[in-house]
């Protein structure tokens, strides 16, 4: 009887969010449901020009992209994966299975969990292509 009671209490606590079940580490500690989408490709200034990365607005790169999304932020992600990680994917603004697979490979190279979801941890762990002010690629991929 005591075991049934404890099991019911544990289940209730898990359901209420008071306890968490042991799980593998997530790539992003923020709940993805609360993150805005990376709707834009943002030019972030650097010492030699700028780097292009997904974001919400200049200075805000705390956002989400995952399979099924179609927006400019996906295009920035795809371009970065091609330029900095050698991904053989089409830059077409559509986050499909090939983009997810390329993102997982980049996440593994960056040493973070490879869940195939682009969130804040991934955004700051990956390298992004740097361009001169005239739009030419500097040949460098840099981290924030």
N, C-alpha and C. Protein backbone atom coordinates (compact mmCIF):
# COMPACT_ATOMS: atom_id res chain seq x y z
N UNK A 1 0.83 -1.19 0.00
CA UNK A 1 0.00 0.00 0.00
C UNK A 1 0.87 1.25 0.00
N UNK A 2 1.91 1.26 0.84
CA UNK A 2 2.80 2.41 0.93
C UNK A 2 3.49 2.65 -0.43
N UNK A 3 3.90 1.60 -1.10
CA UNK A 3 4.56 1.74 -2.39
C UNK A 3 3.62 2.34 -3.42
N UNK A 4 2.35 1.90 -3.44
CA UNK A 4 1.38 2.47 -4.36
C UNK A 4 1.18 3.95 -4.08
N UNK A 5 1.13 4.32 -2.79
CA UNK A 5 0.93 5.71 -2.40
C UNK A 5 2.12 6.57 -2.85
N UNK A 6 3.35 6.08 -2.62
CA UNK A 6 4.54 6.83 -3.04
C UNK A 6 4.61 6.95 -4.55
N UNK A 7 4.24 5.90 -5.26
CA UNK A 7 4.25 5.94 -6.72
C UNK A 7 3.26 6.98 -7.22
N UNK A 8 2.08 7.02 -6.61
CA UNK A 8 1.07 8.01 -7.01
C UNK A 8 1.56 9.42 -6.71
N UNK A 9 2.20 9.63 -5.56
CA UNK A 9 2.74 10.95 -5.22
C UNK A 9 3.84 11.35 -6.18
N UNK A 10 4.71 10.40 -6.51
CA UNK A 10 5.80 10.69 -7.44
C UNK A 10 5.23 11.06 -8.80
N UNK A 11 4.24 10.31 -9.28
CA UNK A 11 3.62 10.60 -10.57
C UNK A 11 2.97 11.98 -10.54
N UNK A 12 2.30 12.31 -9.43
CA UNK A 12 1.66 13.63 -9.31
C UNK A 12 2.70 14.74 -9.31
N UNK A 13 3.82 14.52 -8.60
CA UNK A 13 4.87 15.53 -8.54
C UNK A 13 5.52 15.72 -9.91
N UNK A 14 5.72 14.62 -10.64
CA UNK A 14 6.28 14.73 -11.99
C UNK A 14 5.33 15.52 -12.88
N UNK A 15 4.05 15.21 -12.79
CA UNK A 15 3.05 15.89 -13.61
C UNK A 15 2.97 17.37 -13.30
N UNK A 16 3.17 17.74 -12.05
CA UNK A 16 3.10 19.14 -11.63
C UNK A 16 4.41 19.87 -11.90
N UNK A 17 5.44 19.13 -12.33
CA UNK A 17 6.73 19.77 -12.60
C UNK A 17 7.58 19.96 -11.37
N UNK A 18 7.18 19.33 -10.25
CA UNK A 18 7.96 19.48 -9.02
C UNK A 18 9.19 18.59 -9.02
N UNK A 19 9.11 17.49 -9.72
CA UNK A 19 10.25 16.58 -9.87
C UNK A 19 10.51 16.41 -11.35
N UNK A 20 11.72 16.04 -11.68
CA UNK A 20 12.00 15.75 -13.07
C UNK A 20 12.52 14.33 -13.17
N UNK A 21 12.09 13.66 -14.19
CA UNK A 21 12.58 12.31 -14.43
C UNK A 21 13.99 12.40 -14.97
N UNK A 22 14.86 11.44 -14.65
CA UNK A 22 16.21 11.50 -15.19
C UNK A 22 16.17 11.33 -16.70
N UNK A 23 16.79 12.28 -17.40
CA UNK A 23 16.84 12.23 -18.85
C UNK A 23 18.23 12.64 -19.29
N UNK A 24 18.51 12.44 -20.55
CA UNK A 24 19.78 12.89 -21.10
C UNK A 24 19.79 14.41 -21.11
N UNK A 25 20.99 15.00 -21.05
CA UNK A 25 21.12 16.45 -21.05
C UNK A 25 20.58 17.02 -22.35
N UNK A 26 19.79 18.06 -22.23
CA UNK A 26 19.25 18.72 -23.40
C UNK A 26 20.25 19.75 -23.90
N UNK A 27 20.20 20.04 -25.19
CA UNK A 27 21.11 21.01 -25.77
C UNK A 27 20.81 22.42 -25.25
N UNK A 28 19.55 22.73 -25.03
CA UNK A 28 19.18 24.05 -24.58
C UNK A 28 18.34 23.97 -23.32
N UNK A 29 18.82 24.61 -22.24
CA UNK A 29 18.10 24.53 -20.97
C UNK A 29 16.78 25.29 -20.96
N UNK A 30 16.59 26.25 -21.87
CA UNK A 30 15.35 27.02 -21.90
C UNK A 30 14.25 26.19 -22.54
N UNK A 31 13.03 26.28 -22.03
CA UNK A 31 11.93 25.55 -22.66
C UNK A 31 11.70 26.07 -24.08
N UNK A 32 11.75 25.18 -25.06
CA UNK A 32 11.65 25.62 -26.45
C UNK A 32 10.30 26.24 -26.77
N UNK A 33 9.25 25.89 -26.05
CA UNK A 33 7.93 26.45 -26.31
C UNK A 33 7.90 27.95 -26.03
N UNK A 34 8.78 28.44 -25.21
CA UNK A 34 8.78 29.87 -24.85
C UNK A 34 9.72 30.70 -25.71
N UNK A 35 10.51 30.06 -26.56
CA UNK A 35 11.46 30.80 -27.38
C UNK A 35 10.79 31.34 -28.64
N UNK A 36 11.15 32.57 -29.03
CA UNK A 36 10.64 33.07 -30.31
C UNK A 36 11.35 32.35 -31.45
N UNK A 37 10.77 32.37 -32.62
CA UNK A 37 11.40 31.76 -33.78
C UNK A 37 12.49 32.69 -34.32
N UNK A 38 13.54 32.09 -34.88
CA UNK A 38 14.62 32.85 -35.52
C UNK A 38 14.13 33.25 -36.91
N UNK A 39 13.39 34.31 -36.98
CA UNK A 39 12.75 34.68 -38.24
C UNK A 39 13.67 35.38 -39.22
N UNK A 40 14.82 35.86 -38.75
CA UNK A 40 15.66 36.70 -39.59
C UNK A 40 17.09 36.20 -39.67
N UNK A 41 17.79 36.64 -40.72
CA UNK A 41 19.22 36.46 -40.84
C UNK A 41 19.82 37.79 -40.41
N UNK A 42 20.52 37.79 -39.28
CA UNK A 42 21.02 39.04 -38.68
C UNK A 42 22.51 39.20 -38.96
N UNK A 43 22.91 40.41 -39.37
CA UNK A 43 24.32 40.74 -39.54
C UNK A 43 24.85 41.23 -38.20
N UNK A 44 25.72 40.43 -37.57
CA UNK A 44 26.30 40.80 -36.29
C UNK A 44 27.69 41.38 -36.54
N UNK A 45 27.95 42.63 -36.13
CA UNK A 45 29.26 43.25 -36.37
C UNK A 45 30.40 42.46 -35.72
N UNK A 46 31.54 42.42 -36.43
CA UNK A 46 32.77 41.81 -35.93
C UNK A 46 33.89 42.82 -36.12
N UNK A 47 35.10 42.47 -35.73
CA UNK A 47 36.24 43.37 -35.90
C UNK A 47 36.52 43.68 -37.36
N UNK A 48 36.34 42.69 -38.24
CA UNK A 48 36.68 42.86 -39.65
C UNK A 48 35.48 43.06 -40.57
N UNK A 49 34.29 43.04 -40.06
CA UNK A 49 33.09 43.17 -40.89
C UNK A 49 31.86 42.75 -40.13
N UNK A 50 31.31 41.60 -40.52
CA UNK A 50 30.12 41.10 -39.84
C UNK A 50 29.99 39.60 -40.07
N UNK A 51 29.27 38.93 -39.17
CA UNK A 51 28.92 37.54 -39.39
C UNK A 51 27.40 37.46 -39.49
N UNK A 52 26.93 36.50 -40.25
CA UNK A 52 25.49 36.34 -40.47
C UNK A 52 25.03 35.11 -39.71
N UNK A 53 24.00 35.30 -38.88
CA UNK A 53 23.46 34.19 -38.09
C UNK A 53 21.96 34.37 -37.87
N UNK A 54 21.26 33.29 -37.53
CA UNK A 54 19.82 33.42 -37.27
C UNK A 54 19.56 34.24 -36.01
N UNK A 55 18.50 35.00 -36.02
CA UNK A 55 18.15 35.78 -34.84
C UNK A 55 16.74 36.33 -34.90
N UNK A 56 16.39 37.03 -33.83
CA UNK A 56 15.08 37.67 -33.73
C UNK A 56 15.20 39.12 -34.17
N UNK A 57 16.26 39.76 -33.72
CA UNK A 57 16.60 41.14 -34.10
C UNK A 57 18.07 41.33 -33.72
N UNK A 58 18.72 42.39 -34.18
CA UNK A 58 20.13 42.59 -33.81
C UNK A 58 20.31 42.53 -32.30
N UNK A 59 21.25 41.72 -31.87
CA UNK A 59 21.52 41.57 -30.44
C UNK A 59 20.72 40.48 -29.76
N UNK A 60 19.73 39.92 -30.44
CA UNK A 60 18.92 38.86 -29.84
C UNK A 60 19.00 37.60 -30.71
N UNK A 61 19.80 36.65 -30.24
CA UNK A 61 20.00 35.38 -30.95
C UNK A 61 19.44 34.22 -30.12
N UNK A 62 18.63 34.55 -29.12
CA UNK A 62 18.00 33.54 -28.27
C UNK A 62 16.67 33.16 -28.90
N UNK A 63 16.75 32.19 -29.81
CA UNK A 63 15.56 31.83 -30.57
C UNK A 63 15.63 30.37 -31.00
N UNK A 64 14.61 29.92 -31.69
CA UNK A 64 14.43 28.51 -32.01
C UNK A 64 14.22 28.28 -33.50
N UNK A 65 14.83 27.20 -34.00
CA UNK A 65 14.56 26.67 -35.34
C UNK A 65 14.57 25.16 -35.24
N UNK A 66 13.63 24.51 -35.92
CA UNK A 66 13.63 23.05 -35.95
C UNK A 66 12.98 22.59 -37.24
N UNK A 67 13.04 21.28 -37.46
CA UNK A 67 12.53 20.71 -38.69
C UNK A 67 11.09 21.14 -38.92
N UNK A 68 10.81 21.54 -40.17
CA UNK A 68 9.48 22.01 -40.54
C UNK A 68 9.40 23.52 -40.68
N UNK A 69 10.34 24.26 -40.10
CA UNK A 69 10.31 25.72 -40.20
C UNK A 69 10.79 26.16 -41.58
N UNK A 70 10.24 27.29 -42.02
CA UNK A 70 10.64 27.89 -43.30
C UNK A 70 10.68 29.40 -43.10
N UNK A 71 11.89 29.95 -43.01
CA UNK A 71 12.06 31.39 -42.79
C UNK A 71 13.51 31.79 -43.05
N UNK A 72 13.79 33.09 -43.00
CA UNK A 72 15.14 33.60 -43.27
C UNK A 72 16.18 33.08 -42.28
N UNK A 73 15.78 32.84 -41.04
CA UNK A 73 16.72 32.30 -40.06
C UNK A 73 17.24 30.94 -40.47
N UNK A 74 16.39 30.14 -41.10
CA UNK A 74 16.82 28.82 -41.59
C UNK A 74 17.85 29.01 -42.70
N UNK A 75 17.64 30.00 -43.54
CA UNK A 75 18.59 30.28 -44.63
C UNK A 75 19.96 30.64 -44.05
N UNK A 76 19.98 31.47 -43.02
CA UNK A 76 21.25 31.83 -42.37
C UNK A 76 21.91 30.61 -41.76
N UNK A 77 21.12 29.75 -41.13
CA UNK A 77 21.64 28.52 -40.54
C UNK A 77 22.24 27.63 -41.63
N UNK A 78 21.50 27.42 -42.71
CA UNK A 78 21.98 26.57 -43.80
C UNK A 78 23.26 27.12 -44.42
N UNK A 79 23.31 28.43 -44.63
CA UNK A 79 24.52 29.04 -45.21
C UNK A 79 25.72 28.85 -44.27
N UNK A 80 25.48 29.00 -42.97
CA UNK A 80 26.56 28.79 -42.00
C UNK A 80 27.02 27.34 -41.95
N UNK A 81 26.08 26.41 -42.03
CA UNK A 81 26.44 24.99 -42.03
C UNK A 81 27.24 24.63 -43.28
N UNK A 82 26.88 25.21 -44.41
CA UNK A 82 27.63 24.95 -45.65
C UNK A 82 29.03 25.55 -45.58
N UNK A 83 29.10 26.82 -45.22
CA UNK A 83 30.37 27.56 -45.27
C UNK A 83 31.33 27.10 -44.17
N UNK A 84 30.82 26.89 -42.97
CA UNK A 84 31.71 26.62 -41.82
C UNK A 84 31.86 25.15 -41.47
N UNK A 85 30.91 24.32 -41.89
CA UNK A 85 30.96 22.90 -41.52
C UNK A 85 30.96 21.97 -42.73
N UNK A 86 31.00 22.54 -43.92
CA UNK A 86 31.08 21.73 -45.13
C UNK A 86 29.84 20.91 -45.44
N UNK A 87 28.71 21.30 -44.89
CA UNK A 87 27.47 20.55 -45.13
C UNK A 87 27.07 20.66 -46.59
N UNK A 88 26.66 19.56 -47.15
CA UNK A 88 26.21 19.53 -48.54
C UNK A 88 24.68 19.58 -48.55
N UNK A 89 24.18 20.77 -48.27
CA UNK A 89 22.74 21.00 -48.21
C UNK A 89 22.38 22.19 -49.09
N UNK A 90 21.15 22.25 -49.49
CA UNK A 90 20.65 23.36 -50.28
C UNK A 90 20.25 24.49 -49.34
N UNK A 91 20.62 25.71 -49.71
CA UNK A 91 20.22 26.89 -48.93
C UNK A 91 18.90 27.36 -49.54
N UNK A 92 17.80 26.88 -48.92
CA UNK A 92 16.49 27.14 -49.50
C UNK A 92 15.45 27.62 -48.49
N UNK A 93 15.88 27.97 -47.29
CA UNK A 93 15.00 28.47 -46.22
C UNK A 93 14.10 27.40 -45.62
N UNK A 94 14.23 26.14 -46.01
CA UNK A 94 13.37 25.08 -45.50
C UNK A 94 14.18 24.14 -44.61
N UNK A 95 13.80 24.03 -43.35
CA UNK A 95 14.49 23.16 -42.40
C UNK A 95 13.92 21.76 -42.56
N UNK A 96 14.55 20.99 -43.44
CA UNK A 96 14.12 19.62 -43.70
C UNK A 96 15.06 18.62 -43.07
N UNK A 97 14.93 17.34 -43.41
CA UNK A 97 15.76 16.28 -42.84
C UNK A 97 17.26 16.47 -43.09
N UNK A 98 17.63 16.98 -44.28
CA UNK A 98 19.05 17.18 -44.58
C UNK A 98 19.65 18.28 -43.70
N UNK A 99 18.89 19.33 -43.47
CA UNK A 99 19.36 20.41 -42.59
C UNK A 99 19.49 19.90 -41.16
N UNK A 100 18.53 19.11 -40.72
CA UNK A 100 18.59 18.55 -39.36
C UNK A 100 19.84 17.68 -39.20
N UNK A 101 20.11 16.83 -40.19
CA UNK A 101 21.28 15.95 -40.13
C UNK A 101 22.57 16.77 -40.12
N UNK A 102 22.64 17.81 -40.95
CA UNK A 102 23.82 18.68 -40.98
C UNK A 102 24.00 19.41 -39.65
N UNK A 103 22.89 19.86 -39.07
CA UNK A 103 22.95 20.55 -37.78
C UNK A 103 23.44 19.60 -36.69
N UNK A 104 22.95 18.37 -36.70
CA UNK A 104 23.40 17.39 -35.71
C UNK A 104 24.91 17.15 -35.82
N UNK A 105 25.43 17.07 -37.04
CA UNK A 105 26.87 16.88 -37.23
C UNK A 105 27.64 18.09 -36.68
N UNK A 106 27.15 19.30 -36.92
CA UNK A 106 27.80 20.50 -36.41
C UNK A 106 27.73 20.55 -34.88
N UNK A 107 26.60 20.15 -34.32
CA UNK A 107 26.47 20.13 -32.86
C UNK A 107 27.47 19.15 -32.25
N UNK A 108 27.65 17.99 -32.87
CA UNK A 108 28.63 17.02 -32.37
C UNK A 108 30.04 17.62 -32.42
N UNK A 109 30.37 18.28 -33.54
CA UNK A 109 31.69 18.91 -33.67
C UNK A 109 31.90 20.00 -32.63
N UNK A 110 30.81 20.68 -32.25
CA UNK A 110 30.90 21.75 -31.26
C UNK A 110 30.91 21.21 -29.83
N UNK A 111 30.68 19.90 -29.67
CA UNK A 111 30.71 19.29 -28.35
C UNK A 111 29.46 19.49 -27.52
N UNK A 112 28.35 19.71 -28.18
CA UNK A 112 27.07 19.86 -27.47
C UNK A 112 26.14 18.72 -27.90
N UNK A 113 25.07 18.47 -27.14
CA UNK A 113 24.15 17.40 -27.52
C UNK A 113 23.59 17.61 -28.93
N UNK A 114 23.61 16.58 -29.73
CA UNK A 114 23.18 16.66 -31.13
C UNK A 114 21.71 16.28 -31.26
N UNK A 115 20.83 17.23 -30.90
CA UNK A 115 19.40 16.96 -30.96
C UNK A 115 18.76 17.45 -32.26
N UNK A 116 19.52 18.17 -33.09
CA UNK A 116 18.99 18.64 -34.36
C UNK A 116 18.03 19.81 -34.22
N UNK A 117 17.99 20.43 -33.05
CA UNK A 117 17.16 21.61 -32.82
C UNK A 117 18.09 22.79 -32.57
N UNK A 118 17.84 23.90 -33.26
CA UNK A 118 18.65 25.09 -33.13
C UNK A 118 18.04 25.99 -32.05
N UNK A 119 18.77 26.14 -30.95
CA UNK A 119 18.35 27.01 -29.85
C UNK A 119 19.54 27.83 -29.39
N UNK A 120 19.43 28.49 -28.26
CA UNK A 120 20.48 29.38 -27.77
C UNK A 120 21.85 28.70 -27.60
N UNK A 121 21.88 27.51 -27.03
CA UNK A 121 23.16 26.83 -26.82
C UNK A 121 23.83 26.56 -28.16
N UNK A 122 23.07 26.09 -29.11
CA UNK A 122 23.62 25.82 -30.44
C UNK A 122 24.07 27.11 -31.10
N UNK A 123 23.27 28.15 -30.99
CA UNK A 123 23.60 29.43 -31.61
C UNK A 123 24.96 29.95 -31.16
N UNK A 124 25.23 29.84 -29.88
CA UNK A 124 26.49 30.37 -29.35
C UNK A 124 27.65 29.38 -29.44
N UNK A 125 27.36 28.10 -29.66
CA UNK A 125 28.42 27.10 -29.77
C UNK A 125 28.97 26.98 -31.19
N UNK A 126 28.13 27.26 -32.19
CA UNK A 126 28.55 27.11 -33.58
C UNK A 126 29.38 28.30 -34.05
N UNK A 127 30.13 28.06 -35.10
CA UNK A 127 30.88 29.12 -35.77
C UNK A 127 30.05 29.64 -36.93
N UNK A 128 30.20 30.92 -37.23
CA UNK A 128 29.42 31.57 -38.28
C UNK A 128 30.36 32.22 -39.28
N UNK A 129 29.97 32.26 -40.57
CA UNK A 129 30.85 32.86 -41.57
C UNK A 129 30.97 34.37 -41.36
N UNK A 130 32.19 34.85 -41.54
CA UNK A 130 32.44 36.28 -41.40
C UNK A 130 32.65 36.89 -42.79
N UNK A 131 32.06 38.05 -43.00
CA UNK A 131 32.15 38.75 -44.28
C UNK A 131 32.72 40.14 -44.06
N UNK A 132 33.47 40.61 -45.07
CA UNK A 132 33.92 42.00 -45.05
C UNK A 132 32.71 42.89 -45.31
N UNK A 133 32.86 44.19 -45.06
CA UNK A 133 31.76 45.11 -45.28
C UNK A 133 31.30 45.14 -46.74
N UNK A 134 32.16 44.72 -47.67
CA UNK A 134 31.76 44.68 -49.08
C UNK A 134 31.03 43.39 -49.44
N UNK A 135 30.80 42.51 -48.45
CA UNK A 135 30.05 41.28 -48.67
C UNK A 135 30.88 40.07 -49.04
N UNK A 136 32.20 40.25 -49.22
CA UNK A 136 33.06 39.11 -49.55
C UNK A 136 33.39 38.32 -48.29
N UNK A 137 33.43 37.01 -48.41
CA UNK A 137 33.75 36.10 -47.30
C UNK A 137 35.21 36.31 -46.89
N UNK A 138 35.45 36.46 -45.61
CA UNK A 138 36.82 36.68 -45.11
C UNK A 138 37.64 35.39 -45.11
N UNK A 139 36.96 34.26 -45.24
CA UNK A 139 37.66 32.98 -45.16
C UNK A 139 37.68 32.43 -43.75
N UNK A 140 37.04 33.17 -42.83
CA UNK A 140 37.02 32.73 -41.44
C UNK A 140 35.60 32.44 -40.99
N UNK A 141 35.52 31.45 -40.12
CA UNK A 141 34.27 31.15 -39.42
C UNK A 141 34.55 31.40 -37.95
N UNK A 142 33.75 32.24 -37.34
CA UNK A 142 34.04 32.68 -35.98
C UNK A 142 32.87 32.39 -35.05
N UNK A 143 33.19 32.33 -33.80
CA UNK A 143 32.20 32.12 -32.74
C UNK A 143 31.94 33.47 -32.10
N UNK A 144 30.76 33.65 -31.60
CA UNK A 144 30.38 34.89 -30.95
C UNK A 144 31.32 35.26 -29.82
